Amino acid sequence: MRRETRRQKALDRLGTDHLDIMLCHDIEFVEMQQIVNETLPALRKIQQSGKVRFIGFSGYPQKIFRFICDQVGVDCVLSYNQYTLQNTRFADETIPYLKAKGVGALNAGPFSARLLTNAPLPKWLKEPEDVKVAACKAAEHCAKRGVDIAKLALQFSLANPDLTTTIAGSANPENIRNWAKWAAEPIDQQLLSEVQAIFKPVKNLGHAEGLAKNN
């Protein structure tokens, strides 16, 4: 009863009587079998109560999606930073599997934690140095063509019809306005090809995240 009260209070704060999606996030940092045995069944109970429409999980390593979905059903999953100009592992390795399972595929991080923007890279960014160097070259190449690399990155991620949605976030309203404008414009296919050529030597290179055995 106490848990139900806490859930209702959380919904009240959000000004709604239900959530569209509830995701268990960053599962690669814990024992994934616990997610199968305990966490997702708990989310199903919440869903069955009518408080949530769809449930799923999110994370970075591609291994986690098959590990979980081979054992328990979910409605959707979210992958971040792995369907971008530089890294398309989500589409290459996982989306066909998800489609066969009837699981919705959500993509987040089209800018790969600022890697594919002109903003200074955060100190905590874990991508290999050769990836960072290639991203800098790609950004410079776009700038010479009068294009912000962030525009190309966003348009590329939005163009995949197998992705239910692509999620990006910013505290800057100007960024949001630019994204809405860019989303409505056609992608420059020639520039895209040139940028993909720059990234070819480091395509799909990423980093380890969470527990080593979950990667």
N, C-alpha and C. Protein backbone atom coordinates (compact mmCIF):
# COMPACT_ATOMS: atom_id res chain seq x y z
N MET A 1 0.83 -1.20 0.00
CA MET A 1 0.00 0.00 0.00
C MET A 1 0.87 1.26 0.00
N ARG A 2 1.98 1.16 0.76
CA ARG A 2 2.88 2.31 0.84
C ARG A 2 3.52 2.60 -0.52
N ARG A 3 3.92 1.51 -1.24
CA ARG A 3 4.49 1.69 -2.57
C ARG A 3 3.48 2.32 -3.52
N GLU A 4 2.23 1.87 -3.45
CA GLU A 4 1.19 2.43 -4.32
C GLU A 4 0.99 3.91 -4.05
N THR A 5 1.07 4.30 -2.78
CA THR A 5 0.94 5.72 -2.42
C THR A 5 2.08 6.54 -3.01
N ARG A 6 3.30 6.00 -2.92
CA ARG A 6 4.46 6.71 -3.47
C ARG A 6 4.32 6.87 -4.98
N ARG A 7 3.84 5.81 -5.65
CA ARG A 7 3.65 5.90 -7.10
C ARG A 7 2.63 6.97 -7.44
N GLN A 8 1.55 7.01 -6.71
CA GLN A 8 0.50 8.00 -6.99
C GLN A 8 1.01 9.41 -6.75
N LYS A 9 1.80 9.59 -5.70
CA LYS A 9 2.36 10.91 -5.42
C LYS A 9 3.28 11.35 -6.55
N ALA A 10 4.07 10.38 -7.07
CA ALA A 10 4.97 10.71 -8.18
C ALA A 10 4.18 11.13 -9.41
N LEU A 11 3.09 10.43 -9.69
CA LEU A 11 2.24 10.79 -10.83
C LEU A 11 1.59 12.15 -10.61
N ASP A 12 1.16 12.39 -9.41
CA ASP A 12 0.53 13.68 -9.09
C ASP A 12 1.50 14.84 -9.34
N ARG A 13 2.77 14.64 -8.96
CA ARG A 13 3.77 15.70 -9.18
C ARG A 13 3.97 15.97 -10.66
N LEU A 14 3.84 14.92 -11.46
CA LEU A 14 3.99 15.07 -12.90
C LEU A 14 2.72 15.57 -13.58
N GLY A 15 1.64 15.64 -12.83
CA GLY A 15 0.38 16.14 -13.39
C GLY A 15 -0.28 15.17 -14.35
N THR A 16 -0.14 13.87 -14.09
CA THR A 16 -0.74 12.86 -14.96
C THR A 16 -1.22 11.68 -14.13
N ASP A 17 -2.04 10.83 -14.74
CA ASP A 17 -2.49 9.64 -14.03
C ASP A 17 -1.79 8.37 -14.53
N HIS A 18 -0.89 8.53 -15.54
CA HIS A 18 -0.13 7.38 -16.03
C HIS A 18 1.10 7.87 -16.77
N LEU A 19 2.03 6.96 -17.00
CA LEU A 19 3.22 7.23 -17.81
C LEU A 19 3.10 6.47 -19.12
N ASP A 20 3.58 7.05 -20.20
CA ASP A 20 3.58 6.34 -21.48
C ASP A 20 4.62 5.23 -21.48
N ILE A 21 5.83 5.53 -21.00
CA ILE A 21 6.91 4.55 -21.02
C ILE A 21 7.68 4.62 -19.70
N MET A 22 8.02 3.46 -19.16
CA MET A 22 8.92 3.38 -18.02
C MET A 22 10.08 2.46 -18.39
N LEU A 23 11.30 3.00 -18.30
CA LEU A 23 12.50 2.26 -18.65
C LEU A 23 13.38 2.05 -17.43
N CYS A 24 13.94 0.86 -17.32
CA CYS A 24 14.99 0.59 -16.35
C CYS A 24 16.30 0.99 -17.02
N HIS A 25 16.99 1.99 -16.47
CA HIS A 25 18.11 2.61 -17.17
C HIS A 25 19.46 2.11 -16.67
N ASP A 26 20.44 2.07 -17.59
CA ASP A 26 21.83 1.74 -17.28
C ASP A 26 21.96 0.37 -16.62
N ILE A 27 21.29 -0.63 -17.17
CA ILE A 27 21.31 -1.95 -16.53
C ILE A 27 22.67 -2.62 -16.61
N GLU A 28 23.56 -2.11 -17.48
CA GLU A 28 24.88 -2.72 -17.60
C GLU A 28 25.74 -2.54 -16.35
N PHE A 29 25.31 -1.70 -15.43
CA PHE A 29 26.07 -1.46 -14.21
C PHE A 29 25.72 -2.44 -13.08
N VAL A 30 24.79 -3.34 -13.34
CA VAL A 30 24.37 -4.30 -12.32
C VAL A 30 24.32 -5.70 -12.93
N GLU A 31 24.01 -6.69 -12.11
CA GLU A 31 23.82 -8.05 -12.60
C GLU A 31 22.56 -8.08 -13.45
N MET A 32 22.72 -8.36 -14.74
CA MET A 32 21.57 -8.28 -15.64
C MET A 32 20.51 -9.34 -15.34
N GLN A 33 20.92 -10.47 -14.78
CA GLN A 33 19.92 -11.50 -14.46
C GLN A 33 18.93 -11.00 -13.43
N GLN A 34 19.38 -10.10 -12.56
CA GLN A 34 18.46 -9.51 -11.58
C GLN A 34 17.40 -8.65 -12.27
N ILE A 35 17.78 -8.01 -13.36
CA ILE A 35 16.81 -7.24 -14.14
C ILE A 35 15.73 -8.16 -14.69
N VAL A 36 16.15 -9.34 -15.17
CA VAL A 36 15.21 -10.33 -15.71
C VAL A 36 14.30 -10.89 -14.61
N ASN A 37 14.91 -11.24 -13.49
CA ASN A 37 14.18 -11.96 -12.45
C ASN A 37 13.33 -11.06 -11.56
N GLU A 38 13.77 -9.81 -11.36
CA GLU A 38 13.10 -8.96 -10.38
C GLU A 38 12.56 -7.65 -10.94
N THR A 39 13.42 -6.91 -11.63
CA THR A 39 13.05 -5.54 -12.01
C THR A 39 11.94 -5.50 -13.05
N LEU A 40 12.12 -6.22 -14.15
CA LEU A 40 11.11 -6.17 -15.21
C LEU A 40 9.78 -6.78 -14.78
N PRO A 41 9.76 -7.88 -14.01
CA PRO A 41 8.47 -8.34 -13.49
C PRO A 41 7.78 -7.29 -12.62
N ALA A 42 8.57 -6.52 -11.85
CA ALA A 42 7.98 -5.46 -11.04
C ALA A 42 7.37 -4.37 -11.92
N LEU A 43 8.06 -4.04 -13.02
CA LEU A 43 7.52 -3.05 -13.95
C LEU A 43 6.24 -3.56 -14.62
N ARG A 44 6.20 -4.86 -14.91
CA ARG A 44 4.99 -5.43 -15.50
C ARG A 44 3.80 -5.28 -14.56
N LYS A 45 4.02 -5.46 -13.28
CA LYS A 45 2.93 -5.31 -12.32
C LYS A 45 2.41 -3.88 -12.31
N ILE A 46 3.32 -2.92 -12.40
CA ILE A 46 2.91 -1.52 -12.47
C ILE A 46 2.12 -1.27 -13.75
N GLN A 47 2.60 -1.86 -14.85
CA GLN A 47 1.90 -1.73 -16.13
C GLN A 47 0.49 -2.33 -16.04
N GLN A 48 0.37 -3.48 -15.43
CA GLN A 48 -0.92 -4.15 -15.30
C GLN A 48 -1.90 -3.37 -14.42
N SER A 49 -1.34 -2.51 -13.56
CA SER A 49 -2.20 -1.67 -12.71
C SER A 49 -2.77 -0.48 -13.47
N GLY A 50 -2.26 -0.26 -14.72
CA GLY A 50 -2.74 0.85 -15.53
C GLY A 50 -1.96 2.13 -15.38
N LYS A 51 -0.89 2.09 -14.59
CA LYS A 51 -0.09 3.30 -14.35
C LYS A 51 0.92 3.57 -15.46
N VAL A 52 1.26 2.55 -16.25
CA VAL A 52 2.27 2.67 -17.31
C VAL A 52 1.76 1.94 -18.54
N ARG A 53 1.96 2.55 -19.71
CA ARG A 53 1.50 1.91 -20.96
C ARG A 53 2.52 0.91 -21.49
N PHE A 54 3.81 1.30 -21.50
CA PHE A 54 4.84 0.43 -22.06
C PHE A 54 6.04 0.38 -21.11
N ILE A 55 6.70 -0.79 -21.07
CA ILE A 55 7.89 -0.93 -20.22
C ILE A 55 9.06 -1.44 -21.05
N GLY A 56 10.28 -1.18 -20.54
CA GLY A 56 11.46 -1.66 -21.22
C GLY A 56 12.70 -1.30 -20.42
N PHE A 57 13.83 -1.21 -21.12
CA PHE A 57 15.09 -0.90 -20.45
C PHE A 57 16.00 -0.18 -21.43
N SER A 58 17.06 0.40 -20.92
CA SER A 58 17.99 1.14 -21.77
C SER A 58 19.42 0.91 -21.30
N GLY A 59 20.35 1.19 -22.20
CA GLY A 59 21.76 1.05 -21.86
C GLY A 59 22.65 1.25 -23.07
N TYR A 60 23.94 1.07 -22.87
CA TYR A 60 24.93 1.32 -23.93
C TYR A 60 25.43 0.06 -24.63
N PRO A 61 25.91 -0.97 -23.93
CA PRO A 61 26.43 -2.15 -24.65
C PRO A 61 25.34 -2.87 -25.42
N GLN A 62 25.65 -3.30 -26.62
CA GLN A 62 24.65 -3.99 -27.43
C GLN A 62 24.33 -5.38 -26.88
N LYS A 63 25.23 -5.97 -26.13
CA LYS A 63 25.02 -7.30 -25.56
C LYS A 63 23.77 -7.36 -24.69
N ILE A 64 23.45 -6.29 -24.01
CA ILE A 64 22.37 -6.33 -23.03
C ILE A 64 21.01 -6.59 -23.67
N PHE A 65 20.83 -6.16 -24.91
CA PHE A 65 19.51 -6.26 -25.52
C PHE A 65 19.12 -7.71 -25.79
N ARG A 66 20.03 -8.49 -26.31
CA ARG A 66 19.74 -9.90 -26.55
C ARG A 66 19.65 -10.67 -25.23
N PHE A 67 20.54 -10.36 -24.30
CA PHE A 67 20.54 -11.06 -23.02
C PHE A 67 19.17 -10.95 -22.35
N ILE A 68 18.62 -9.76 -22.32
CA ILE A 68 17.33 -9.55 -21.66
C ILE A 68 16.19 -10.09 -22.51
N CYS A 69 16.14 -9.70 -23.77
CA CYS A 69 14.99 -10.04 -24.61
C CYS A 69 14.91 -11.52 -24.97
N ASP A 70 16.01 -12.24 -24.82
CA ASP A 70 15.96 -13.69 -25.01
C ASP A 70 15.24 -14.38 -23.84
N GLN A 71 15.11 -13.68 -22.72
CA GLN A 71 14.55 -14.30 -21.52
C GLN A 71 13.19 -13.75 -21.09
N VAL A 72 12.93 -12.49 -21.41
CA VAL A 72 11.70 -11.87 -20.93
C VAL A 72 11.20 -10.86 -21.96
N GLY A 73 9.90 -10.73 -22.07
CA GLY A 73 9.33 -9.80 -23.04
C GLY A 73 9.30 -8.38 -22.53
N VAL A 74 9.60 -7.44 -23.40
CA VAL A 74 9.46 -6.02 -23.10
C VAL A 74 8.80 -5.35 -24.30
N ASP A 75 8.32 -4.15 -24.10
CA ASP A 75 7.65 -3.42 -25.18
C ASP A 75 8.62 -2.63 -26.04
N CYS A 76 9.66 -2.09 -25.39
CA CYS A 76 10.60 -1.23 -26.11
C CYS A 76 11.93 -1.20 -25.39
N VAL A 77 12.97 -0.78 -26.11
CA VAL A 77 14.28 -0.57 -25.51
C VAL A 77 14.84 0.74 -26.04
N LEU A 78 15.81 1.27 -25.31
CA LEU A 78 16.47 2.50 -25.73
C LEU A 78 17.98 2.29 -25.74
N SER A 79 18.60 2.63 -26.86
CA SER A 79 20.05 2.60 -27.00
C SER A 79 20.54 4.03 -27.19
N TYR A 80 21.66 4.38 -26.57
CA TYR A 80 22.16 5.74 -26.73
C TYR A 80 23.59 5.75 -27.27
N ASN A 81 23.87 6.76 -28.09
CA ASN A 81 25.20 7.00 -28.67
C ASN A 81 25.67 5.87 -29.60
N GLN A 82 24.76 5.01 -30.03
CA GLN A 82 25.17 3.91 -30.89
C GLN A 82 24.35 3.83 -32.17
N TYR A 83 23.72 4.94 -32.52
CA TYR A 83 23.26 5.12 -33.90
C TYR A 83 23.54 6.57 -34.26
N THR A 84 24.76 6.80 -34.73
CA THR A 84 25.24 8.15 -35.03
C THR A 84 26.03 8.13 -36.33
N LEU A 85 26.53 9.27 -36.72
CA LEU A 85 27.40 9.36 -37.90
C LEU A 85 28.61 8.45 -37.77
N GLN A 86 29.09 8.27 -36.57
CA GLN A 86 30.32 7.50 -36.34
C GLN A 86 30.08 6.06 -35.91
N ASN A 87 28.95 5.81 -35.26
CA ASN A 87 28.70 4.50 -34.65
C ASN A 87 27.28 4.05 -34.96
N THR A 88 27.15 2.99 -35.74
CA THR A 88 25.82 2.50 -36.12
C THR A 88 25.59 1.07 -35.63
N ARG A 89 26.22 0.70 -34.52
CA ARG A 89 26.10 -0.66 -34.02
C ARG A 89 24.66 -1.04 -33.68
N PHE A 90 23.89 -0.10 -33.20
CA PHE A 90 22.50 -0.40 -32.84
C PHE A 90 21.74 -0.92 -34.05
N ALA A 91 21.93 -0.28 -35.18
CA ALA A 91 21.25 -0.72 -36.41
C ALA A 91 21.91 -1.97 -36.98
N ASP A 92 23.23 -2.04 -36.93
CA ASP A 92 23.96 -3.14 -37.55
C ASP A 92 23.75 -4.46 -36.80
N GLU A 93 23.71 -4.39 -35.47
CA GLU A 93 23.73 -5.61 -34.66
C GLU A 93 22.40 -5.94 -33.98
N THR A 94 21.59 -4.94 -33.70
CA THR A 94 20.49 -5.17 -32.77
C THR A 94 19.10 -4.94 -33.34
N ILE A 95 18.92 -3.92 -34.17
CA ILE A 95 17.58 -3.59 -34.64
C ILE A 95 16.90 -4.74 -35.39
N PRO A 96 17.58 -5.46 -36.28
CA PRO A 96 16.91 -6.60 -36.94
C PRO A 96 16.38 -7.62 -35.92
N TYR A 97 17.15 -7.87 -34.88
CA TYR A 97 16.73 -8.78 -33.81
C TYR A 97 15.49 -8.25 -33.10
N LEU A 98 15.49 -6.96 -32.79
CA LEU A 98 14.35 -6.35 -32.10
C LEU A 98 13.09 -6.38 -32.96
N LYS A 99 13.25 -6.12 -34.26
CA LYS A 99 12.10 -6.16 -35.16
C LYS A 99 11.48 -7.55 -35.18
N ALA A 100 12.32 -8.57 -35.20
CA ALA A 100 11.81 -9.95 -35.20
C ALA A 100 11.07 -10.28 -33.91
N LYS A 101 11.46 -9.62 -32.82
CA LYS A 101 10.83 -9.84 -31.53
C LYS A 101 9.60 -8.95 -31.33
N GLY A 102 9.40 -7.96 -32.21
CA GLY A 102 8.30 -7.03 -32.04
C GLY A 102 8.55 -6.01 -30.94
N VAL A 103 9.81 -5.70 -30.70
CA VAL A 103 10.20 -4.74 -29.66
C VAL A 103 10.51 -3.40 -30.29
N GLY A 104 9.94 -2.33 -29.77
CA GLY A 104 10.18 -1.00 -30.29
C GLY A 104 11.60 -0.54 -30.01
N ALA A 105 12.22 0.13 -30.99
CA ALA A 105 13.62 0.59 -30.87
C ALA A 105 13.66 2.11 -30.76
N LEU A 106 14.12 2.59 -29.61
CA LEU A 106 14.29 4.02 -29.39
C LEU A 106 15.78 4.35 -29.40
N ASN A 107 16.13 5.44 -30.05
CA ASN A 107 17.52 5.88 -30.16
C ASN A 107 17.69 7.20 -29.42
N ALA A 108 18.77 7.32 -28.67
CA ALA A 108 19.07 8.58 -27.99
C ALA A 108 20.53 8.95 -28.25
N GLY A 109 20.82 10.22 -28.10
CA GLY A 109 22.20 10.67 -28.25
C GLY A 109 22.70 10.78 -29.67
N PRO A 110 21.98 11.42 -30.58
CA PRO A 110 22.47 11.55 -31.95
C PRO A 110 23.77 12.35 -32.04
N PHE A 111 24.06 13.14 -31.01
CA PHE A 111 25.28 13.95 -31.00
C PHE A 111 26.42 13.25 -30.24
N SER A 112 26.13 12.06 -29.71
CA SER A 112 27.14 11.24 -29.02
C SER A 112 27.90 12.05 -27.96
N ALA A 113 27.12 12.59 -27.01
CA ALA A 113 27.71 13.33 -25.88
C ALA A 113 28.62 14.46 -26.35
N ARG A 114 28.13 15.24 -27.31
CA ARG A 114 28.82 16.42 -27.87
C ARG A 114 29.92 16.07 -28.86
N LEU A 115 30.23 14.79 -29.03
CA LEU A 115 31.28 14.40 -29.97
C LEU A 115 30.98 14.94 -31.36
N LEU A 116 29.71 14.94 -31.75
CA LEU A 116 29.31 15.36 -33.09
C LEU A 116 28.69 16.75 -33.07
N THR A 117 29.33 17.63 -32.34
CA THR A 117 28.93 19.04 -32.30
C THR A 117 30.20 19.89 -32.33
N ASN A 118 30.03 21.19 -32.32
CA ASN A 118 31.17 22.10 -32.24
C ASN A 118 31.44 22.56 -30.81
N ALA A 119 30.72 21.99 -29.86
CA ALA A 119 30.92 22.33 -28.45
C ALA A 119 32.18 21.64 -27.92
N PRO A 120 32.82 22.21 -26.90
CA PRO A 120 33.99 21.55 -26.30
C PRO A 120 33.60 20.17 -25.76
N LEU A 121 34.47 19.21 -25.94
CA LEU A 121 34.17 17.86 -25.47
C LEU A 121 34.26 17.80 -23.94
N PRO A 122 33.33 17.13 -23.29
CA PRO A 122 33.40 17.00 -21.84
C PRO A 122 34.58 16.13 -21.42
N LYS A 123 35.16 16.42 -20.27
CA LYS A 123 36.33 15.67 -19.80
C LYS A 123 36.00 14.21 -19.55
N TRP A 124 34.72 13.94 -19.25
CA TRP A 124 34.34 12.56 -18.93
C TRP A 124 34.06 11.70 -20.16
N LEU A 125 34.14 12.27 -21.35
CA LEU A 125 33.85 11.52 -22.56
C LEU A 125 34.83 10.35 -22.71
N LYS A 126 34.31 9.14 -22.88
CA LYS A 126 35.14 7.94 -22.85
C LYS A 126 35.58 7.44 -24.22
N GLU A 127 35.17 8.09 -25.29
CA GLU A 127 35.51 7.58 -26.61
C GLU A 127 37.03 7.59 -26.83
N PRO A 128 37.53 6.62 -27.61
CA PRO A 128 38.98 6.58 -27.90
C PRO A 128 39.47 7.87 -28.56
N GLU A 129 40.74 8.15 -28.38
CA GLU A 129 41.30 9.40 -28.91
C GLU A 129 41.20 9.48 -30.43
N ASP A 130 41.38 8.35 -31.12
CA ASP A 130 41.30 8.41 -32.58
C ASP A 130 39.89 8.73 -33.05
N VAL A 131 38.89 8.37 -32.25
CA VAL A 131 37.51 8.74 -32.56
C VAL A 131 37.33 10.25 -32.39
N LYS A 132 37.88 10.79 -31.32
CA LYS A 132 37.79 12.23 -31.08
C LYS A 132 38.49 13.02 -32.19
N VAL A 133 39.64 12.53 -32.63
CA VAL A 133 40.38 13.20 -33.71
C VAL A 133 39.57 13.18 -34.99
N ALA A 134 38.97 12.04 -35.31
CA ALA A 134 38.15 11.94 -36.52
C ALA A 134 36.95 12.86 -36.44
N ALA A 135 36.34 12.96 -35.26
CA ALA A 135 35.18 13.84 -35.09
C ALA A 135 35.57 15.30 -35.31
N CYS A 136 36.75 15.67 -34.84
CA CYS A 136 37.23 17.04 -35.04
C CYS A 136 37.44 17.31 -36.53
N LYS A 137 38.02 16.36 -37.25
CA LYS A 137 38.21 16.51 -38.69
C LYS A 137 36.87 16.61 -39.41
N ALA A 138 35.91 15.80 -38.99
CA ALA A 138 34.58 15.83 -39.62
C ALA A 138 33.89 17.16 -39.37
N ALA A 139 34.01 17.69 -38.16
CA ALA A 139 33.40 18.98 -37.84
C ALA A 139 34.03 20.09 -38.67
N GLU A 140 35.35 20.06 -38.82
CA GLU A 140 36.05 21.07 -39.62
C GLU A 140 35.64 20.97 -41.09
N HIS A 141 35.48 19.76 -41.57
CA HIS A 141 35.07 19.56 -42.96
C HIS A 141 33.67 20.14 -43.19
N CYS A 142 32.76 19.88 -42.25
CA CYS A 142 31.41 20.43 -42.36
C CYS A 142 31.43 21.95 -42.33
N ALA A 143 32.25 22.50 -41.44
CA ALA A 143 32.32 23.95 -41.31
C ALA A 143 32.79 24.59 -42.61
N LYS A 144 33.75 23.95 -43.29
CA LYS A 144 34.22 24.47 -44.58
C LYS A 144 33.11 24.49 -45.62
N ARG A 145 32.14 23.59 -45.45
CA ARG A 145 30.99 23.54 -46.34
C ARG A 145 29.82 24.39 -45.83
N GLY A 146 30.07 25.12 -44.75
CA GLY A 146 29.04 26.00 -44.20
C GLY A 146 27.95 25.29 -43.44
N VAL A 147 28.25 24.11 -42.90
CA VAL A 147 27.25 23.30 -42.20
C VAL A 147 27.76 22.97 -40.80
N ASP A 148 26.88 23.06 -39.82
CA ASP A 148 27.18 22.61 -38.46
C ASP A 148 27.10 21.09 -38.45
N ILE A 149 28.14 20.40 -37.98
CA ILE A 149 28.11 18.95 -37.97
C ILE A 149 26.93 18.40 -37.16
N ALA A 150 26.48 19.17 -36.18
CA ALA A 150 25.33 18.73 -35.38
C ALA A 150 24.08 18.59 -36.25
N LYS A 151 23.95 19.44 -37.25
CA LYS A 151 22.82 19.35 -38.17
C LYS A 151 22.85 18.03 -38.92
N LEU A 152 24.01 17.69 -39.47
CA LEU A 152 24.15 16.44 -40.22
C LEU A 152 23.91 15.24 -39.30
N ALA A 153 24.44 15.32 -38.07
CA ALA A 153 24.29 14.22 -37.12
C ALA A 153 22.82 13.98 -36.78
N LEU A 154 22.09 15.05 -36.52
CA LEU A 154 20.68 14.92 -36.18
C LEU A 154 19.88 14.36 -37.36
N GLN A 155 20.11 14.92 -38.53
CA GLN A 155 19.37 14.47 -39.71
C GLN A 155 19.65 13.00 -40.01
N PHE A 156 20.89 12.58 -39.84
CA PHE A 156 21.24 11.18 -40.09
C PHE A 156 20.47 10.25 -39.16
N SER A 157 20.45 10.56 -37.88
CA SER A 157 19.76 9.69 -36.92
C SER A 157 18.25 9.68 -37.15
N LEU A 158 17.69 10.82 -37.53
CA LEU A 158 16.25 10.90 -37.75
C LEU A 158 15.80 10.14 -39.00
N ALA A 159 16.71 9.88 -39.92
CA ALA A 159 16.33 9.34 -41.22
C ALA A 159 16.08 7.83 -41.22
N ASN A 160 16.45 7.15 -40.13
CA ASN A 160 16.31 5.69 -40.11
C ASN A 160 14.86 5.30 -39.80
N PRO A 161 14.15 4.68 -40.74
CA PRO A 161 12.74 4.35 -40.52
C PRO A 161 12.52 3.25 -39.50
N ASP A 162 13.57 2.49 -39.15
CA ASP A 162 13.42 1.42 -38.17
C ASP A 162 13.47 1.91 -36.73
N LEU A 163 13.80 3.19 -36.54
CA LEU A 163 13.83 3.77 -35.20
C LEU A 163 12.48 4.42 -34.90
N THR A 164 11.88 4.02 -33.80
CA THR A 164 10.59 4.60 -33.41
C THR A 164 10.73 6.09 -33.15
N THR A 165 11.83 6.46 -32.52
CA THR A 165 12.08 7.87 -32.25
C THR A 165 13.57 8.06 -31.98
N THR A 166 14.03 9.29 -32.13
CA THR A 166 15.38 9.68 -31.73
C THR A 166 15.27 10.80 -30.72
N ILE A 167 15.97 10.65 -29.61
CA ILE A 167 15.82 11.56 -28.47
C ILE A 167 17.10 12.38 -28.30
N ALA A 168 16.95 13.68 -28.17
CA ALA A 168 18.07 14.57 -27.86
C ALA A 168 17.58 15.57 -26.82
N GLY A 169 18.50 16.09 -26.05
CA GLY A 169 18.11 17.04 -25.02
C GLY A 169 19.10 18.18 -24.89
N SER A 170 18.60 19.33 -24.48
CA SER A 170 19.46 20.50 -24.28
C SER A 170 18.77 21.47 -23.33
N ALA A 171 19.58 22.19 -22.56
CA ALA A 171 19.05 23.24 -21.70
C ALA A 171 18.96 24.58 -22.43
N ASN A 172 19.42 24.60 -23.69
CA ASN A 172 19.46 25.83 -24.48
C ASN A 172 18.29 25.86 -25.46
N PRO A 173 17.34 26.78 -25.28
CA PRO A 173 16.19 26.85 -26.20
C PRO A 173 16.59 27.06 -27.66
N GLU A 174 17.70 27.74 -27.90
CA GLU A 174 18.14 27.98 -29.27
C GLU A 174 18.50 26.66 -29.96
N ASN A 175 19.10 25.74 -29.20
CA ASN A 175 19.40 24.43 -29.76
C ASN A 175 18.12 23.73 -30.20
N ILE A 176 17.11 23.77 -29.37
CA ILE A 176 15.84 23.10 -29.68
C ILE A 176 15.23 23.70 -30.94
N ARG A 177 15.28 25.01 -31.06
CA ARG A 177 14.73 25.66 -32.27
C ARG A 177 15.50 25.24 -33.51
N ASN A 178 16.83 25.17 -33.39
CA ASN A 178 17.63 24.72 -34.53
C ASN A 178 17.31 23.29 -34.93
N TRP A 179 17.16 22.42 -33.94
CA TRP A 179 16.86 21.01 -34.23
C TRP A 179 15.55 20.87 -34.98
N ALA A 180 14.54 21.62 -34.55
CA ALA A 180 13.23 21.55 -35.22
C ALA A 180 13.36 22.00 -36.68
N LYS A 181 14.16 23.03 -36.90
CA LYS A 181 14.37 23.54 -38.26
C LYS A 181 15.15 22.52 -39.09
N TRP A 182 16.22 21.98 -38.53
CA TRP A 182 17.05 21.02 -39.26
C TRP A 182 16.27 19.75 -39.60
N ALA A 183 15.40 19.34 -38.70
CA ALA A 183 14.65 18.10 -38.92
C ALA A 183 13.74 18.20 -40.14
N ALA A 184 13.33 19.43 -40.46
CA ALA A 184 12.42 19.64 -41.60
C ALA A 184 13.17 19.82 -42.92
N GLU A 185 14.50 19.92 -42.86
CA GLU A 185 15.28 20.16 -44.06
C GLU A 185 15.87 18.86 -44.61
N PRO A 186 16.09 18.77 -45.92
CA PRO A 186 16.67 17.54 -46.50
C PRO A 186 18.15 17.43 -46.14
N ILE A 187 18.59 16.20 -45.97
CA ILE A 187 20.00 15.96 -45.65
C ILE A 187 20.85 16.11 -46.91
N ASP A 188 22.06 16.64 -46.75
CA ASP A 188 23.01 16.80 -47.84
C ASP A 188 23.72 15.45 -48.03
N GLN A 189 23.30 14.67 -49.01
CA GLN A 189 23.82 13.33 -49.20
C GLN A 189 25.31 13.33 -49.55
N GLN A 190 25.75 14.31 -50.33
CA GLN A 190 27.16 14.38 -50.69
C GLN A 190 28.02 14.64 -49.46
N LEU A 191 27.60 15.58 -48.64
CA LEU A 191 28.34 15.87 -47.41
C LEU A 191 28.31 14.67 -46.48
N LEU A 192 27.17 13.99 -46.40
CA LEU A 192 27.07 12.80 -45.56
C LEU A 192 28.10 11.76 -45.99
N SER A 193 28.22 11.53 -47.29
CA SER A 193 29.18 10.55 -47.80
C SER A 193 30.61 10.95 -47.44
N GLU A 194 30.90 12.24 -47.53
CA GLU A 194 32.25 12.72 -47.22
C GLU A 194 32.57 12.54 -45.75
N VAL A 195 31.60 12.83 -44.90
CA VAL A 195 31.81 12.68 -43.45
C VAL A 195 31.93 11.21 -43.07
N GLN A 196 31.12 10.37 -43.67
CA GLN A 196 31.23 8.93 -43.39
C GLN A 196 32.59 8.38 -43.81
N ALA A 197 33.15 8.93 -44.87
CA ALA A 197 34.49 8.51 -45.30
C ALA A 197 35.55 8.90 -44.26
N ILE A 198 35.37 10.06 -43.64
CA ILE A 198 36.29 10.49 -42.58
C ILE A 198 36.21 9.54 -41.39
N PHE A 199 35.00 9.10 -41.08
CA PHE A 199 34.79 8.22 -39.93
C PHE A 199 35.08 6.74 -40.21
N LYS A 200 35.27 6.39 -41.47
CA LYS A 200 35.42 4.97 -41.83
C LYS A 200 36.50 4.25 -41.03
N PRO A 201 37.69 4.84 -40.81
CA PRO A 201 38.73 4.12 -40.05
C PRO A 201 38.35 3.86 -38.59
N VAL A 202 37.39 4.63 -38.05
CA VAL A 202 37.01 4.46 -36.64
C VAL A 202 35.53 4.09 -36.50
N LYS A 203 34.93 3.62 -37.58
CA LYS A 203 33.51 3.30 -37.55
C LYS A 203 33.21 2.24 -36.49
N ASN A 204 32.18 2.52 -35.70
CA ASN A 204 31.67 1.61 -34.66
C ASN A 204 32.62 1.40 -33.49
N LEU A 205 33.70 2.17 -33.42
CA LEU A 205 34.54 2.10 -32.23
C LEU A 205 33.84 2.84 -31.09
N GLY A 206 33.85 2.22 -29.92
CA GLY A 206 33.23 2.85 -28.77
C GLY A 206 34.04 2.55 -27.52
N HIS A 207 33.35 2.42 -26.42
CA HIS A 207 34.03 2.20 -25.15
C HIS A 207 33.25 1.18 -24.32
N ALA A 208 33.86 0.68 -23.27
CA ALA A 208 33.17 -0.21 -22.34
C ALA A 208 32.38 0.61 -21.35
N GLU A 209 31.24 0.09 -20.96
CA GLU A 209 30.37 0.81 -20.02
C GLU A 209 29.80 -0.20 -19.02
N GLY A 210 29.84 0.12 -17.74
CA GLY A 210 29.28 -0.77 -16.74
C GLY A 210 30.23 -1.92 -16.41
N LEU A 211 29.63 -3.04 -15.98
CA LEU A 211 30.43 -4.21 -15.62
C LEU A 211 31.08 -4.80 -16.88
N ALA A 212 32.33 -5.25 -16.74
CA ALA A 212 33.07 -5.76 -17.89
C ALA A 212 32.33 -6.91 -18.57
N LYS A 213 31.71 -7.78 -17.81
CA LYS A 213 31.05 -8.95 -18.39
C LYS A 213 29.77 -8.57 -19.15
N ASN A 214 29.30 -7.36 -18.97
CA ASN A 214 28.09 -6.92 -19.67
C ASN A 214 28.39 -6.28 -21.01
N ASN A 215 29.68 -6.21 -21.37
CA ASN A 215 30.08 -5.59 -22.63
C ASN A 215 30.44 -6.67 -23.66
